[in-house]
PDB file of N, CA and C in Angstrom:
ATOM      1  N   MET A   1       3.393  27.883 -36.219  1.00  0.00           N
ATOM      2  CA  MET A   1       3.075  27.619 -34.851  1.00  0.00           C
ATOM      3  C   MET A   1       3.934  28.461 -33.912  1.00  0.00           C
ATOM      4  N   ARG A   2       5.188  28.703 -34.285  1.00  0.00           N
ATOM      5  CA  ARG A   2       6.084  29.478 -33.421  1.00  0.00           C
ATOM      6  C   ARG A   2       5.995  30.963 -33.687  1.00  0.00           C
ATOM      7  N   GLY A   3       5.258  31.361 -34.725  1.00  0.00           N
ATOM      8  CA  GLY A   3       5.125  32.763 -35.053  1.00  0.00           C
ATOM      9  C   GLY A   3       6.278  33.288 -35.894  1.00  0.00           C
ATOM     10  N   GLU A   4       6.968  32.439 -36.610  1.00  0.00           N
ATOM     11  CA  GLU A   4       8.082  32.864 -37.461  1.00  0.00           C
ATOM     12  C   GLU A   4       7.541  33.545 -38.712  1.00  0.00           C
ATOM     13  N   ARG A   5       8.385  34.389 -39.298  1.00  0.00           N
ATOM     14  CA  ARG A   5       8.001  35.057 -40.533  1.00  0.00           C
ATOM     15  C   ARG A   5       7.975  34.063 -41.682  1.00  0.00           C
ATOM     16  N   ARG A   6       7.211  34.407 -42.718  1.00  0.00           N
ATOM     17  CA  ARG A   6       7.084  33.519 -43.877  1.00  0.00           C
ATOM     18  C   ARG A   6       8.423  33.285 -44.556  1.00  0.00           C
ATOM     19  N   TRP A   7       9.214  34.351 -44.738  1.00  0.00           N
ATOM     20  CA  TRP A   7      10.494  34.216 -45.434  1.00  0.00           C
ATOM     21  C   TRP A   7      11.459  33.335 -44.662  1.00  0.00           C
ATOM     22  N   TYR A   8      11.427  33.413 -43.354  1.00  0.00           N
ATOM     23  CA  TYR A   8      12.271  32.539 -42.547  1.00  0.00           C
ATOM     24  C   TYR A   8      11.874  31.077 -42.729  1.00  0.00           C
ATOM     25  N   VAL A   9      10.579  30.814 -42.708  1.00  0.00           N
ATOM     26  CA  VAL A   9      10.107  29.442 -42.868  1.00  0.00           C
ATOM     27  C   VAL A   9      10.480  28.923 -44.251  1.00  0.00           C
ATOM     28  N   ILE A  10      10.334  29.768 -45.281  1.00  0.00           N
ATOM     29  CA  ILE A  10      10.643  29.325 -46.640  1.00  0.00           C
ATOM     30  C   ILE A  10      12.131  29.044 -46.797  1.00  0.00           C
ATOM     31  N   PHE A  11      12.989  29.987 -46.389  1.00  0.00           N
ATOM     32  CA  PHE A  11      14.417  29.850 -46.661  1.00  0.00           C
ATOM     33  C   PHE A  11      15.185  29.049 -45.621  1.00  0.00           C
ATOM     34  N   ALA A  12      14.681  28.912 -44.430  1.00  0.00           N
ATOM     35  CA  ALA A  12      15.409  28.163 -43.403  1.00  0.00           C
ATOM     36  C   ALA A  12      14.861  26.759 -43.187  1.00  0.00           C
ATOM     37  N   GLU A  13      13.597  26.548 -43.481  1.00  0.00           N
ATOM     38  CA  GLU A  13      13.000  25.243 -43.218  1.00  0.00           C
ATOM     39  C   GLU A  13      12.678  24.464 -44.493  1.00  0.00           C
ATOM     40  N   ILE A  14      12.069  25.126 -45.471  1.00  0.00           N
ATOM     41  CA  ILE A  14      11.599  24.417 -46.660  1.00  0.00           C
ATOM     42  C   ILE A  14      12.695  24.268 -47.708  1.00  0.00           C
ATOM     43  N   MET A  15      13.401  25.353 -48.058  1.00  0.00           N
ATOM     44  CA  MET A  15      14.384  25.320 -49.153  1.00  0.00           C
ATOM     45  C   MET A  15      15.534  24.348 -48.921  1.00  0.00           C
ATOM     46  N   PRO A  16      16.124  24.246 -47.735  1.00  0.00           N
ATOM     47  CA  PRO A  16      17.207  23.269 -47.580  1.00  0.00           C
ATOM     48  C   PRO A  16      16.767  21.832 -47.842  1.00  0.00           C
ATOM     49  N   ASN A  17      15.535  21.521 -47.584  1.00  0.00           N
ATOM     50  CA  ASN A  17      15.035  20.170 -47.833  1.00  0.00           C
ATOM     51  C   ASN A  17      14.585  19.968 -49.272  1.00  0.00           C
ATOM     52  N   MET A  18      14.184  21.026 -49.956  1.00  0.00           N
ATOM     53  CA  MET A  18      13.702  20.921 -51.327  1.00  0.00           C
ATOM     54  C   MET A  18      14.798  21.114 -52.363  1.00  0.00           C
ATOM     55  N   LEU A  19      15.912  21.713 -51.998  1.00  0.00           N
ATOM     56  CA  LEU A  19      16.960  22.028 -52.960  1.00  0.00           C
ATOM     57  C   LEU A  19      17.509  20.798 -53.677  1.00  0.00           C
ATOM     58  N   PRO A  20      17.788  19.680 -53.008  1.00  0.00           N
ATOM     59  CA  PRO A  20      18.250  18.495 -53.758  1.00  0.00           C
ATOM     60  C   PRO A  20      17.230  17.993 -54.771  1.00  0.00           C
ATOM     61  N   LEU A  21      15.956  18.076 -54.448  1.00  0.00           N
ATOM     62  CA  LEU A  21      14.930  17.641 -55.392  1.00  0.00           C
ATOM     63  C   LEU A  21      14.845  18.567 -56.596  1.00  0.00           C
ATOM     64  N   ILE A  22      14.989  19.863 -56.359  1.00  0.00           N
ATOM     65  CA  ILE A  22      14.943  20.831 -57.451  1.00  0.00           C
ATOM     66  C   ILE A  22      16.133  20.637 -58.383  1.00  0.00           C
ATOM     67  N   VAL A  23      17.320  20.468 -57.822  1.00  0.00           N
ATOM     68  CA  VAL A  23      18.520  20.275 -58.638  1.00  0.00           C
ATOM     69  C   VAL A  23      18.450  18.949 -59.386  1.00  0.00           C
ATOM     70  N   ALA A  24      17.981  17.898 -58.744  1.00  0.00           N
ATOM     71  CA  ALA A  24      17.849  16.600 -59.411  1.00  0.00           C
ATOM     72  C   ALA A  24      16.876  16.688 -60.580  1.00  0.00           C
ATOM     73  N   ALA A  25      15.777  17.381 -60.395  1.00  0.00           N
ATOM     74  CA  ALA A  25      14.813  17.543 -61.485  1.00  0.00           C
ATOM     75  C   ALA A  25      15.415  18.359 -62.625  1.00  0.00           C
ATOM     76  N   PHE A  26      16.162  19.397 -62.293  1.00  0.00           N
ATOM     77  CA  PHE A  26      16.791  20.228 -63.326  1.00  0.00           C
ATOM     78  C   PHE A  26      17.824  19.440 -64.119  1.00  0.00           C
ATOM     79  N   LEU A  27      18.703  18.711 -63.430  1.00  0.00           N
ATOM     80  CA  LEU A  27      19.735  17.950 -64.131  1.00  0.00           C
ATOM     81  C   LEU A  27      19.137  16.812 -64.957  1.00  0.00           C
ATOM     82  N   GLY A  28      18.146  16.130 -64.424  1.00  0.00           N
ATOM     83  CA  GLY A  28      17.490  15.074 -65.188  1.00  0.00           C
ATOM     84  C   GLY A  28      16.791  15.610 -66.420  1.00  0.00           C
ATOM     85  N   THR A  29      16.114  16.724 -66.274  1.00  0.00           N
ATOM     86  CA  THR A  29      15.442  17.338 -67.412  1.00  0.00           C
ATOM     87  C   THR A  29      16.446  17.817 -68.445  1.00  0.00           C
ATOM     88  N   SER A  30      17.576  18.347 -67.994  1.00  0.00           N
ATOM     89  CA  SER A  30      18.607  18.818 -68.927  1.00  0.00           C
ATOM     90  C   SER A  30      19.144  17.681 -69.777  1.00  0.00           C
ATOM     91  N   VAL A  31      19.369  16.528 -69.188  1.00  0.00           N
ATOM     92  CA  VAL A  31      19.855  15.372 -69.943  1.00  0.00           C
ATOM     93  C   VAL A  31      18.818  14.963 -70.986  1.00  0.00           C
ATOM     94  N   TYR A  32      17.546  14.905 -70.605  1.00  0.00           N
ATOM     95  CA  TYR A  32      16.505  14.517 -71.548  1.00  0.00           C
ATOM     96  C   TYR A  32      16.348  15.545 -72.668  1.00  0.00           C
ATOM     97  N   VAL A  33      16.487  16.821 -72.343  1.00  0.00           N
ATOM     98  CA  VAL A  33      16.358  17.865 -73.361  1.00  0.00           C
ATOM     99  C   VAL A  33      17.474  17.754 -74.394  1.00  0.00           C
ATOM    100  N   VAL A  34      18.704  17.570 -73.951  1.00  0.00           N
ATOM    101  CA  VAL A  34      19.822  17.475 -74.889  1.00  0.00           C
ATOM    102  C   VAL A  34      19.705  16.218 -75.743  1.00  0.00           C
ATOM    103  N   ALA A  35      19.349  15.101 -75.139  1.00  0.00           N
ATOM    104  CA  ALA A  35      19.200  13.854 -75.908  1.00  0.00           C
ATOM    105  C   ALA A  35      18.047  13.964 -76.912  1.00  0.00           C
ATOM    106  N   THR A  36      16.939  14.561 -76.508  1.00  0.00           N
ATOM    107  CA  THR A  36      15.812  14.745 -77.414  1.00  0.00           C
ATOM    108  C   THR A  36      16.161  15.705 -78.535  1.00  0.00           C
ATOM    109  N   MET A  37      16.866  16.775 -78.193  1.00  0.00           N
ATOM    110  CA  MET A  37      17.262  17.752 -79.207  1.00  0.00           C
ATOM    111  C   MET A  37      18.211  17.127 -80.226  1.00  0.00           C
ATOM    112  N   ALA A  38      19.172  16.340 -79.748  1.00  0.00           N
ATOM    113  CA  ALA A  38      20.093  15.671 -80.666  1.00  0.00           C
ATOM    114  C   ALA A  38      19.342  14.672 -81.544  1.00  0.00           C
ATOM    115  N   GLY A  39      18.399  13.956 -80.969  1.00  0.00           N
ATOM    116  CA  GLY A  39      17.614  13.005 -81.751  1.00  0.00           C
ATOM    117  C   GLY A  39      16.763  13.677 -82.809  1.00  0.00           C
ATOM    118  N   LEU A  40      16.098  14.779 -82.443  1.00  0.00           N
ATOM    119  CA  LEU A  40      15.276  15.503 -83.415  1.00  0.00           C
ATOM    120  C   LEU A  40      16.126  16.124 -84.516  1.00  0.00           C
ATOM    121  N   GLN A  41      17.297  16.641 -84.150  1.00  0.00           N
ATOM    122  CA  GLN A  41      18.166  17.217 -85.162  1.00  0.00           C
ATOM    123  C   GLN A  41      18.744  16.143 -86.073  1.00  0.00           C
ATOM    124  N   PHE A  42      18.994  14.967 -85.541  1.00  0.00           N
ATOM    125  CA  PHE A  42      19.444  13.858 -86.382  1.00  0.00           C
ATOM    126  C   PHE A  42      18.366  13.483 -87.395  1.00  0.00           C
ATOM    127  N   LEU A  43      17.116  13.533 -86.974  1.00  0.00           N
ATOM    128  CA  LEU A  43      16.019  13.214 -87.883  1.00  0.00           C
ATOM    129  C   LEU A  43      15.693  14.359 -88.838  1.00  0.00           C
ATOM    130  N   GLY A  44      16.239  15.548 -88.579  1.00  0.00           N
ATOM    131  CA  GLY A  44      16.023  16.690 -89.456  1.00  0.00           C
ATOM    132  C   GLY A  44      14.895  17.599 -89.034  1.00  0.00           C
ATOM    133  N   PHE A  45      14.372  17.435 -87.850  1.00  0.00           N
ATOM    134  CA  PHE A  45      13.246  18.255 -87.400  1.00  0.00           C
ATOM    135  C   PHE A  45      13.648  19.476 -86.590  1.00  0.00           C
ATOM    136  N   GLY A  46      14.830  19.512 -86.042  1.00  0.00           N
ATOM    137  CA  GLY A  46      15.180  20.599 -85.140  1.00  0.00           C
ATOM    138  C   GLY A  46      16.272  21.505 -85.644  1.00  0.00           C
ATOM    139  N   ASN A  47      16.584  21.461 -86.929  1.00  0.00           N
ATOM    140  CA  ASN A  47      17.680  22.277 -87.446  1.00  0.00           C
ATOM    141  C   ASN A  47      17.257  23.731 -87.551  1.00  0.00           C
ATOM    142  N   VAL A  48      18.091  24.608 -86.997  1.00  0.00           N
ATOM    143  CA  VAL A  48      17.855  26.036 -87.063  1.00  0.00           C
ATOM    144  C   VAL A  48      18.992  26.640 -87.875  1.00  0.00           C
ATOM    145  N   GLY A  49      18.724  26.953 -89.122  1.00  0.00           N
ATOM    146  CA  GLY A  49      19.759  27.527 -89.973  1.00  0.00           C
ATOM    147  C   GLY A  49      20.897  26.549 -90.194  1.00  0.00           C
ATOM    148  N   ASP A  50      22.102  27.063 -90.119  1.00  0.00           N
ATOM    149  CA  ASP A  50      23.297  26.241 -90.304  1.00  0.00           C
ATOM    150  C   ASP A  50      24.002  25.986 -88.975  1.00  0.00           C
ATOM    151  N   ALA A  51      23.247  25.887 -87.894  1.00  0.00           N
ATOM    152  CA  ALA A  51      23.840  25.663 -86.576  1.00  0.00           C
ATOM    153  C   ALA A  51      24.467  24.275 -86.520  1.00  0.00           C
ATOM    154  N   LEU A  52      25.663  24.208 -86.018  1.00  0.00           N
ATOM    155  CA  LEU A  52      26.361  22.938 -85.884  1.00  0.00           C
ATOM    156  C   LEU A  52      26.142  22.421 -84.461  1.00  0.00           C
ATOM    157  N   THR A  53      25.367  21.377 -84.344  1.00  0.00           N
ATOM    158  CA  THR A  53      25.072  20.780 -83.047  1.00  0.00           C
ATOM    159  C   THR A  53      25.429  19.302 -83.105  1.00  0.00           C
ATOM    160  N   TRP A  54      25.315  18.634 -81.977  1.00  0.00           N
ATOM    161  CA  TRP A  54      25.639  17.215 -81.931  1.00  0.00           C
ATOM    162  C   TRP A  54      24.709  16.405 -82.827  1.00  0.00           C
ATOM    163  N   GLY A  55      23.461  16.748 -82.863  1.00  0.00           N
ATOM    164  CA  GLY A  55      22.515  16.032 -83.713  1.00  0.00           C
ATOM    165  C   GLY A  55      22.814  16.212 -85.194  1.00  0.00           C
ATOM    166  N   THR A  56      23.135  17.451 -85.594  1.00  0.00           N
ATOM    167  CA  THR A  56      23.458  17.671 -87.002  1.00  0.00           C
ATOM    168  C   THR A  56      24.799  17.039 -87.363  1.00  0.00           C
ATOM    169  N   MET A  57      25.717  16.960 -86.416  1.00  0.00           N
ATOM    170  CA  MET A  57      26.986  16.276 -86.690  1.00  0.00           C
ATOM    171  C   MET A  57      26.756  14.787 -86.935  1.00  0.00           C
ATOM    172  N   ILE A  58      25.887  14.183 -86.148  1.00  0.00           N
ATOM    173  CA  ILE A  58      25.572  12.764 -86.354  1.00  0.00           C
ATOM    174  C   ILE A  58      24.870  12.581 -87.698  1.00  0.00           C
ATOM    175  N   TYR A  59      23.946  13.470 -88.019  1.00  0.00           N
ATOM    176  CA  TYR A  59      23.229  13.384 -89.288  1.00  0.00           C
ATOM    177  C   TYR A  59      24.181  13.530 -90.473  1.00  0.00           C
ATOM    178  N   GLN A  60      25.064  14.533 -90.411  1.00  0.00           N
ATOM    179  CA  GLN A  60      25.978  14.764 -91.526  1.00  0.00           C
ATOM    180  C   GLN A  60      26.983  13.626 -91.687  1.00  0.00           C
ATOM    181  N   SER A  61      27.440  13.059 -90.581  1.00  0.00           N
ATOM    182  CA  SER A  61      28.370  11.936 -90.698  1.00  0.00           C
ATOM    183  C   SER A  61      27.663  10.693 -91.245  1.00  0.00           C
ATOM    184  N   GLN A  62      26.391  10.537 -90.917  1.00  0.00           N
ATOM    185  CA  GLN A  62      25.639   9.410 -91.461  1.00  0.00           C
ATOM    186  C   GLN A  62      25.375   9.620 -92.945  1.00  0.00           C
ATOM    187  N   GLN A  63      25.101  10.848 -93.359  1.00  0.00           N
ATOM    188  CA  GLN A  63      24.848  11.143 -94.766  1.00  0.00           C
ATOM    189  C   GLN A  63      26.105  11.021 -95.615  1.00  0.00           C
ATOM    190  N   SER A  64      27.260  11.328 -95.038  1.00  0.00           N
ATOM    191  CA  SER A  64      28.509  11.225 -95.801  1.00  0.00           C
ATOM    192  C   SER A  64      29.138   9.841 -95.672  1.00  0.00           C
ATOM    193  N   MET A  65      28.391   8.905 -95.129  1.00  0.00           N
ATOM    194  CA  MET A  65      28.828   7.512 -94.981  1.00  0.00           C
ATOM    195  C   MET A  65      30.175   7.410 -94.265  1.00  0.00           C
ATOM    196  N   ALA A  66      30.209   7.938 -93.060  1.00  0.00           N
ATOM    197  CA  ALA A  66      31.452   7.950 -92.284  1.00  0.00           C
ATOM    198  C   ALA A  66      31.893   6.542 -91.911  1.00  0.00           C
ATOM    199  N   LEU A  67      30.966   5.667 -91.622  1.00  0.00           N
ATOM    200  CA  LEU A  67      31.336   4.299 -91.252  1.00  0.00           C
ATOM    201  C   LEU A  67      31.926   3.539 -92.432  1.00  0.00           C
ATOM    202  N   GLU A  68      31.321   3.704 -93.593  1.00  0.00           N
ATOM    203  CA  GLU A  68      31.783   2.980 -94.769  1.00  0.00           C
ATOM    204  C   GLU A  68      33.141   3.476 -95.257  1.00  0.00           C
ATOM    205  N   SER A  69      33.396   4.769 -95.079  1.00  0.00           N
ATOM    206  CA  SER A  69      34.659   5.334 -95.559  1.00  0.00           C
ATOM    207  C   SER A  69      35.781   5.242 -94.530  1.00  0.00           C
ATOM    208  N   GLY A  70      35.501   4.699 -93.365  1.00  0.00           N
ATOM    209  CA  GLY A  70      36.528   4.510 -92.343  1.00  0.00           C
ATOM    210  C   GLY A  70      36.714   5.693 -91.420  1.00  0.00           C
ATOM    211  N   ASN A  71      35.864   6.682 -91.490  1.00  0.00           N
ATOM    212  CA  ASN A  71      35.942   7.864 -90.615  1.00  0.00           C
ATOM    213  C   ASN A  71      34.958   7.709 -89.462  1.00  0.00           C
ATOM    214  N   ILE A  72      35.198   6.709 -88.642  1.00  0.00           N
ATOM    215  CA  ILE A  72      34.261   6.380 -87.569  1.00  0.00           C
ATOM    216  C   ILE A  72      34.197   7.489 -86.508  1.00  0.00           C
ATOM    217  N   TRP A  73      35.265   8.265 -86.338  1.00  0.00           N
ATOM    218  CA  TRP A  73      35.271   9.305 -85.313  1.00  0.00           C
ATOM    219  C   TRP A  73      34.350  10.457 -85.648  1.00  0.00           C
ATOM    220  N   TRP A  74      34.020  10.646 -86.928  1.00  0.00           N
ATOM    221  CA  TRP A  74      33.038  11.662 -87.284  1.00  0.00           C
ATOM    222  C   TRP A  74      31.695  11.333 -86.663  1.00  0.00           C
ATOM    223  N   LEU A  75      31.400  10.058 -86.567  1.00  0.00           N
ATOM    224  CA  LEU A  75      30.130   9.618 -85.995  1.00  0.00           C
ATOM    225  C   LEU A  75      30.214   9.448 -84.485  1.00  0.00           C
ATOM    226  N   LEU A  76      31.321   8.881 -84.014  1.00  0.00           N
ATOM    227  CA  LEU A  76      31.418   8.565 -82.585  1.00  0.00           C
ATOM    228  C   LEU A  76      31.666   9.780 -81.692  1.00  0.00           C
ATOM    229  N   SER A  77      32.321  10.804 -82.190  1.00  0.00           N
ATOM    230  CA  SER A  77      32.641  11.946 -81.322  1.00  0.00           C
ATOM    231  C   SER A  77      31.399  12.664 -80.786  1.00  0.00           C
ATOM    232  N   PRO A  78      30.369  12.988 -81.590  1.00  0.00           N
ATOM    233  CA  PRO A  78      29.185  13.607 -80.983  1.00  0.00           C
ATOM    234  C   PRO A  78      28.391  12.643 -80.105  1.00  0.00           C
ATOM    235  N   ILE A  79      28.388  11.350 -80.461  1.00  0.00           N
ATOM    236  CA  ILE A  79      27.685  10.369 -79.632  1.00  0.00           C
ATOM    237  C   ILE A  79      28.359  10.247 -78.271  1.00  0.00           C
ATOM    238  N   ILE A  80      29.685  10.209 -78.260  1.00  0.00           N
ATOM    239  CA  ILE A  80      30.433  10.138 -77.004  1.00  0.00           C
ATOM    240  C   ILE A  80      30.238  11.416 -76.189  1.00  0.00           C
ATOM    241  N   ALA A  81      30.158  12.566 -76.873  1.00  0.00           N
ATOM    242  CA  ALA A  81      29.937  13.832 -76.162  1.00  0.00           C
ATOM    243  C   ALA A  81      28.588  13.831 -75.453  1.00  0.00           C
ATOM    244  N   VAL A  82      27.549  13.344 -76.112  1.00  0.00           N
ATOM    245  CA  VAL A  82      26.221  13.269 -75.482  1.00  0.00           C
ATOM    246  C   VAL A  82      26.248  12.295 -74.304  1.00  0.00           C
ATOM    247  N   ALA A  83      26.931  11.161 -74.482  1.00  0.00           N
ATOM    248  CA  ALA A  83      27.007  10.177 -73.394  1.00  0.00           C
ATOM    249  C   ALA A  83      27.787  10.718 -72.206  1.00  0.00           C
ATOM    250  N   PHE A  84      28.911  11.399 -72.453  1.00  0.00           N
ATOM    251  CA  PHE A  84      29.686  11.976 -71.354  1.00  0.00           C
ATOM    252  C   PHE A  84      28.914  13.083 -70.644  1.00  0.00           C
ATOM    253  N   MET A  85      28.152  13.868 -71.390  1.00  0.00           N
ATOM    254  CA  MET A  85      27.366  14.915 -70.749  1.00  0.00           C
ATOM    255  C   MET A  85      26.297  14.305 -69.846  1.00  0.00           C
ATOM    256  N   GLY A  86      25.642  13.252 -70.314  1.00  0.00           N
ATOM    257  CA  GLY A  86      24.650  12.586 -69.476  1.00  0.00           C
ATOM    258  C   GLY A  86      25.268  11.986 -68.228  1.00  0.00           C
ATOM    259  N   THR A  87      26.442  11.376 -68.386  1.00  0.00           N
ATOM    260  CA  THR A  87      27.140  10.806 -67.227  1.00  0.00           C
ATOM    261  C   THR A  87      27.575  11.881 -66.254  1.00  0.00           C
ATOM    262  N   SER A  88      28.089  12.992 -66.776  1.00  0.00           N
ATOM    263  CA  SER A  88      28.544  14.063 -65.883  1.00  0.00           C
ATOM    264  C   SER A  88      27.381  14.689 -65.125  1.00  0.00           C
ATOM    265  N   PHE A  89      26.225  14.847 -65.788  1.00  0.00           N
ATOM    266  CA  PHE A  89      25.068  15.376 -65.073  1.00  0.00           C
ATOM    267  C   PHE A  89      24.593  14.415 -64.000  1.00  0.00           C
ATOM    268  N   ALA A  90      24.649  13.120 -64.263  1.00  0.00           N
ATOM    269  CA  ALA A  90      24.257  12.135 -63.254  1.00  0.00           C
ATOM    270  C   ALA A  90      25.206  12.179 -62.063  1.00  0.00           C
ATOM    271  N   LEU A  91      26.506  12.313 -62.325  1.00  0.00           N
ATOM    272  CA  LEU A  91      27.475  12.403 -61.226  1.00  0.00           C
ATOM    273  C   LEU A  91      27.332  13.711 -60.458  1.00  0.00           C
ATOM    274  N   LEU A  92      27.060  14.804 -61.161  1.00  0.00           N
ATOM    275  CA  LEU A  92      26.798  16.075 -60.475  1.00  0.00           C
ATOM    276  C   LEU A  92      25.560  15.973 -59.594  1.00  0.00           C
ATOM    277  N   ASN A  93      24.547  15.307 -60.090  1.00  0.00           N
ATOM    278  CA  ASN A  93      23.331  15.106 -59.315  1.00  0.00           C
ATOM    279  C   ASN A  93      23.630  14.326 -58.036  1.00  0.00           C
ATOM    280  N   TYR A  94      24.407  13.266 -58.168  1.00  0.00           N
ATOM    281  CA  TYR A  94      24.772  12.462 -56.999  1.00  0.00           C
ATOM    282  C   TYR A  94      25.597  13.286 -56.000  1.00  0.00           C
ATOM    283  N   ALA A  95      26.573  14.050 -56.504  1.00  0.00           N
ATOM    284  CA  ALA A  95      27.417  14.859 -55.617  1.00  0.00           C
ATOM    285  C   ALA A  95      26.607  15.951 -54.928  1.00  0.00           C
ATOM    286  N   PHE A  96      25.746  16.605 -55.678  1.00  0.00           N
ATOM    287  CA  PHE A  96      24.944  17.664 -55.063  1.00  0.00           C
ATOM    288  C   PHE A  96      23.969  17.092 -54.053  1.00  0.00           C
ATOM    289  N   ASP A  97      23.461  15.907 -54.308  1.00  0.00           N
ATOM    290  CA  ASP A  97      22.564  15.269 -53.356  1.00  0.00           C
ATOM    291  C   ASP A  97      23.309  14.925 -52.067  1.00  0.00           C
ATOM    292  N   GLU A  98      24.559  14.472 -52.186  1.00  0.00           N
ATOM    293  CA  GLU A  98      25.363  14.188 -50.993  1.00  0.00           C
ATOM    294  C   GLU A  98      25.627  15.454 -50.182  1.00  0.00           C
ATOM    295  N   ILE A  99      25.838  16.580 -50.866  1.00  0.00           N
ATOM    296  CA  ILE A  99      26.168  17.827 -50.176  1.00  0.00           C
ATOM    297  C   ILE A  99      24.929  18.489 -49.588  1.00  0.00           C
ATOM    298  N   ALA A 100      23.859  18.571 -50.365  1.00  0.00           N
ATOM    299  CA  ALA A 100      22.724  19.398 -49.968  1.00  0.00           C
ATOM    300  C   ALA A 100      21.641  18.673 -49.190  1.00  0.00           C
ATOM    301  N   ASN A 101      21.567  17.372 -49.301  1.00  0.00           N
ATOM    302  CA  ASN A 101      20.506  16.646 -48.614  1.00  0.00           C
ATOM    303  C   ASN A 101      20.863  16.503 -47.139  1.00  0.00           C
ATOM    304  N   PRO A 102      20.060  17.061 -46.254  1.00  0.00           N
ATOM    305  CA  PRO A 102      20.393  16.995 -44.823  1.00  0.00           C
ATOM    306  C   PRO A 102      20.463  15.562 -44.294  1.00  0.00           C
ATOM    307  N   ALA A 103      19.715  14.642 -44.871  1.00  0.00           N
ATOM    308  CA  ALA A 103      19.733  13.259 -44.389  1.00  0.00           C
ATOM    309  C   ALA A 103      21.003  12.522 -44.799  1.00  0.00           C
ATOM    310  N   LEU A 104      21.704  13.002 -45.834  1.00  0.00           N
ATOM    311  CA  LEU A 104      22.890  12.316 -46.330  1.00  0.00           C
ATOM    312  C   LEU A 104      24.203  12.999 -45.950  1.00  0.00           C
ATOM    313  N   ARG A 105      24.132  14.079 -45.210  1.00  0.00           N
ATOM    314  CA  ARG A 105      25.367  14.781 -44.841  1.00  0.00           C
ATOM    315  C   ARG A 105      26.254  13.905 -43.989  1.00  0.00           C
ATOM    316  N   LYS A 106      27.560  14.024 -44.204  1.00  0.00           N
ATOM    317  CA  LYS A 106      28.507  13.187 -43.470  1.00  0.00           C
ATOM    318  C   LYS A 106      28.545  13.545 -41.995  1.00  0.00           C
ATOM    319  N   SER A 107      28.289  14.803 -41.661  1.00  0.00           N
ATOM    320  CA  SER A 107      28.291  15.183 -40.255  1.00  0.00           C
ATOM    321  C   SER A 107      27.163  14.473 -39.501  1.00  0.00           C
ATOM    322  N   ASN A 108      26.024  14.286 -40.141  1.00  0.00           N
ATOM    323  CA  ASN A 108      24.922  13.559 -39.513  1.00  0.00           C
ATOM    324  C   ASN A 108      25.253  12.088 -39.348  1.00  0.00           C
ATOM    325  N   ARG A 109      25.963  11.530 -40.311  1.00  0.00           N
ATOM    326  CA  ARG A 109      26.332  10.114 -40.221  1.00  0.00           C
ATOM    327  C   ARG A 109      27.279   9.877 -39.059  1.00  0.00           C
ATOM    328  N   ARG A 110      28.237  10.787 -38.885  1.00  0.00           N
ATOM    329  CA  ARG A 110      29.193  10.605 -37.781  1.00  0.00           C
ATOM    330  C   ARG A 110      28.504  10.709 -36.431  1.00  0.00           C
ATOM    331  N   ARG A 111      27.576  11.645 -36.303  1.00  0.00           N
ATOM    332  CA  ARG A 111      26.882  11.810 -35.031  1.00  0.00           C
ATOM    333  C   ARG A 111      26.026  10.600 -34.697  1.00  0.00           C
ATOM    334  N   ARG A 112      25.384  10.047 -35.697  1.00  0.00           N
ATOM    335  CA  ARG A 112      24.529   8.891 -35.447  1.00  0.00           C
ATOM    336  C   ARG A 112      25.342   7.657 -35.100  1.00  0.00           C
ATOM    337  N   GLY A 113      26.462   7.461 -35.808  1.00  0.00           N
ATOM    338  CA  GLY A 113      27.251   6.252 -35.601  1.00  0.00           C
ATOM    339  C   GLY A 113      28.100   6.289 -34.366  1.00  0.00           C
ATOM    340  N   ASN A 114      28.614   7.459 -34.017  1.00  0.00           N
ATOM    341  CA  ASN A 114      29.527   7.579 -32.882  1.00  0.00           C
ATOM    342  C   ASN A 114      28.987   8.651 -31.943  1.00  0.00           C
ATOM    343  N   PRO A 115      28.415   8.287 -30.800  1.00  0.00           N
ATOM    344  CA  PRO A 115      27.827   9.281 -29.906  1.00  0.00           C
ATOM    345  C   PRO A 115      28.868  10.238 -29.311  1.00  0.00           C
ATOM    346  N   ALA A 116      30.148   9.854 -29.292  1.00  0.00           N
ATOM    347  CA  ALA A 116      31.167  10.704 -28.681  1.00  0.00           C
ATOM    348  C   ALA A 116      31.607  11.818 -29.618  1.00  0.00           C
ATOM    349  N   ALA A 117      31.297  11.741 -30.918  1.00  0.00           N
ATOM    350  CA  ALA A 117      31.766  12.746 -31.886  1.00  0.00           C
ATOM    351  C   ALA A 117      30.983  14.019 -31.767  1.00  0.00           C
TER     352      ALA A 117
END
């Protein structure tokens, strides 16, 4: 309506509002991909050669009876790594949403709450 160029409209108007959604989708998908990959590798469907991954570590510790022999950390360490990665991606998503979402910026909150600021 104002006669602005397409690139200006895309990068100045659309992208700042879409960036939190894009990052949230990427981080959420990344968590699901890693969890699915670990699950498939635990079941024996996703092994590529002799690659050592979290799923194969869980599988090998289960096959060597880590729980029965008292080596619980062989099993818990890859499980904890997957859980911490999922938690860290969720926290990164929350932090990036606070920074990039124009509706959640702290500067907007101060202006709305205190007219003198």
